[in-house]
Amino acid sequence: MEYTQEDLNQLNKAIKSGRFTVEYDGQKVTYRSLDELIRARNLIKSELAETYRRGASIASFVRG
């Protein structure tokens, strides 16, 4: 599964609100603890960062 920024946002909202159930692509996932939620958030965060590092490119423009 490829994670999105919206997945990360959903986990952050759940952590802030104290909820343990998060919905991804129409599927609900219930985490057992705050620690489990934070570990899931950190996993998604690191995978998004890795995807960005692999696929990021910087556009440059020249005025002429």
C-alpha atoms as a PDB file:
ATOM      1  CA  MET A   1       0.000   0.000   0.000  1.00  0.00           C
ATOM      2  CA  GLU A   2       1.334   3.414  -0.869  1.00  0.00           C
ATOM      3  CA  TYR A   3       0.615   5.941   1.835  1.00  0.00           C
ATOM      4  CA  THR A   4      -0.514   9.494   1.193  1.00  0.00           C
ATOM      5  CA  GLN A   5      -0.252  12.767   3.048  1.00  0.00           C
ATOM      6  CA  GLU A   6      -3.971  12.414   3.808  1.00  0.00           C
ATOM      7  CA  ASP A   7      -3.265   9.099   5.600  1.00  0.00           C
ATOM      8  CA  LEU A   8      -0.712  10.895   7.753  1.00  0.00           C
ATOM      9  CA  ASN A   9      -3.168  13.730   8.391  1.00  0.00           C
ATOM     10  CA  GLN A  10      -5.832  11.243   9.532  1.00  0.00           C
ATOM     11  CA  LEU A  11      -3.445   9.675  12.029  1.00  0.00           C
ATOM     12  CA  ASN A  12      -2.393  13.062  13.367  1.00  0.00           C
ATOM     13  CA  LYS A  13      -6.049  14.030  13.860  1.00  0.00           C
ATOM     14  CA  ALA A  14      -6.733  10.760  15.678  1.00  0.00           C
ATOM     15  CA  ILE A  15      -3.738  11.268  17.968  1.00  0.00           C
ATOM     16  CA  LYS A  16      -4.836  14.822  18.804  1.00  0.00           C
ATOM     17  CA  SER A  17      -8.420  13.801  19.506  1.00  0.00           C
ATOM     18  CA  GLY A  18      -7.639  10.590  21.400  1.00  0.00           C
ATOM     19  CA  ARG A  19      -9.527   8.408  18.918  1.00  0.00           C
ATOM     20  CA  PHE A  20      -8.137   4.979  18.059  1.00  0.00           C
ATOM     21  CA  THR A  21     -10.157   4.413  14.868  1.00  0.00           C
ATOM     22  CA  VAL A  22      -8.949   5.845  11.568  1.00  0.00           C
ATOM     23  CA  GLU A  23     -10.437   5.464   8.090  1.00  0.00           C
ATOM     24  CA  TYR A  24      -8.254   4.801   5.033  1.00  0.00           C
ATOM     25  CA  ASP A  25      -9.770   4.387   1.571  1.00  0.00           C
ATOM     26  CA  GLY A  26     -13.163   3.513   3.050  1.00  0.00           C
ATOM     27  CA  GLN A  27     -11.718   0.931   5.482  1.00  0.00           C
ATOM     28  CA  LYS A  28     -11.701   1.530   9.228  1.00  0.00           C
ATOM     29  CA  VAL A  29      -8.686   0.532  11.303  1.00  0.00           C
ATOM     30  CA  THR A  30      -8.850   0.504  15.092  1.00  0.00           C
ATOM     31  CA  TYR A  31      -5.533   0.741  16.906  1.00  0.00           C
ATOM     32  CA  ARG A  32      -5.125  -0.771  20.366  1.00  0.00           C
ATOM     33  CA  SER A  33      -3.221   2.052  21.990  1.00  0.00           C
ATOM     34  CA  LEU A  34      -1.796   5.524  21.561  1.00  0.00           C
ATOM     35  CA  ASP A  35       1.641   3.939  21.208  1.00  0.00           C
ATOM     36  CA  GLU A  36       0.414   1.829  18.284  1.00  0.00           C
ATOM     37  CA  LEU A  37      -1.090   4.929  16.635  1.00  0.00           C
ATOM     38  CA  ILE A  38       2.168   6.821  17.012  1.00  0.00           C
ATOM     39  CA  ARG A  39       4.172   3.909  15.565  1.00  0.00           C
ATOM     40  CA  ALA A  40       1.824   3.793  12.553  1.00  0.00           C
ATOM     41  CA  ARG A  41       2.170   7.553  12.120  1.00  0.00           C
ATOM     42  CA  ASN A  42       5.961   7.327  12.266  1.00  0.00           C
ATOM     43  CA  LEU A  43       5.967   4.505   9.700  1.00  0.00           C
ATOM     44  CA  ILE A  44       3.848   6.504   7.258  1.00  0.00           C
ATOM     45  CA  LYS A  45       5.909   9.627   7.895  1.00  0.00           C
ATOM     46  CA  SER A  46       9.175   7.821   7.117  1.00  0.00           C
ATOM     47  CA  GLU A  47       7.751   6.130   4.013  1.00  0.00           C
ATOM     48  CA  LEU A  48       6.467   9.459   2.681  1.00  0.00           C
ATOM     49  CA  ALA A  49       9.891  11.013   3.309  1.00  0.00           C
ATOM     50  CA  GLU A  50      11.590   8.120   1.482  1.00  0.00           C
ATOM     51  CA  THR A  51       9.202   8.436  -1.459  1.00  0.00           C
ATOM     52  CA  TYR A  52       9.934  12.144  -1.615  1.00  0.00           C
ATOM     53  CA  ARG A  53      13.710  11.563  -1.528  1.00  0.00           C
ATOM     54  CA  ARG A  54      13.532   8.964  -4.332  1.00  0.00           C
ATOM     55  CA  GLY A  55      11.162  10.837  -6.625  1.00  0.00           C
ATOM     56  CA  ALA A  56      11.776  14.462  -5.870  1.00  0.00           C
ATOM     57  CA  SER A  57      13.105  16.704  -8.516  1.00  0.00           C
ATOM     58  CA  ILE A  58      13.717  20.403  -8.491  1.00  0.00           C
ATOM     59  CA  ALA A  59      12.492  22.476 -11.358  1.00  0.00           C
ATOM     60  CA  SER A  60      14.623  25.326 -12.541  1.00  0.00           C
ATOM     61  CA  PHE A  61      13.646  28.163 -14.815  1.00  0.00           C
ATOM     62  CA  VAL A  62      15.716  30.561 -16.817  1.00  0.00           C
ATOM     63  CA  ARG A  63      14.406  33.927 -17.889  1.00  0.00           C
ATOM     64  CA  GLY A  64      15.664  34.958 -21.197  1.00  0.00           C
END
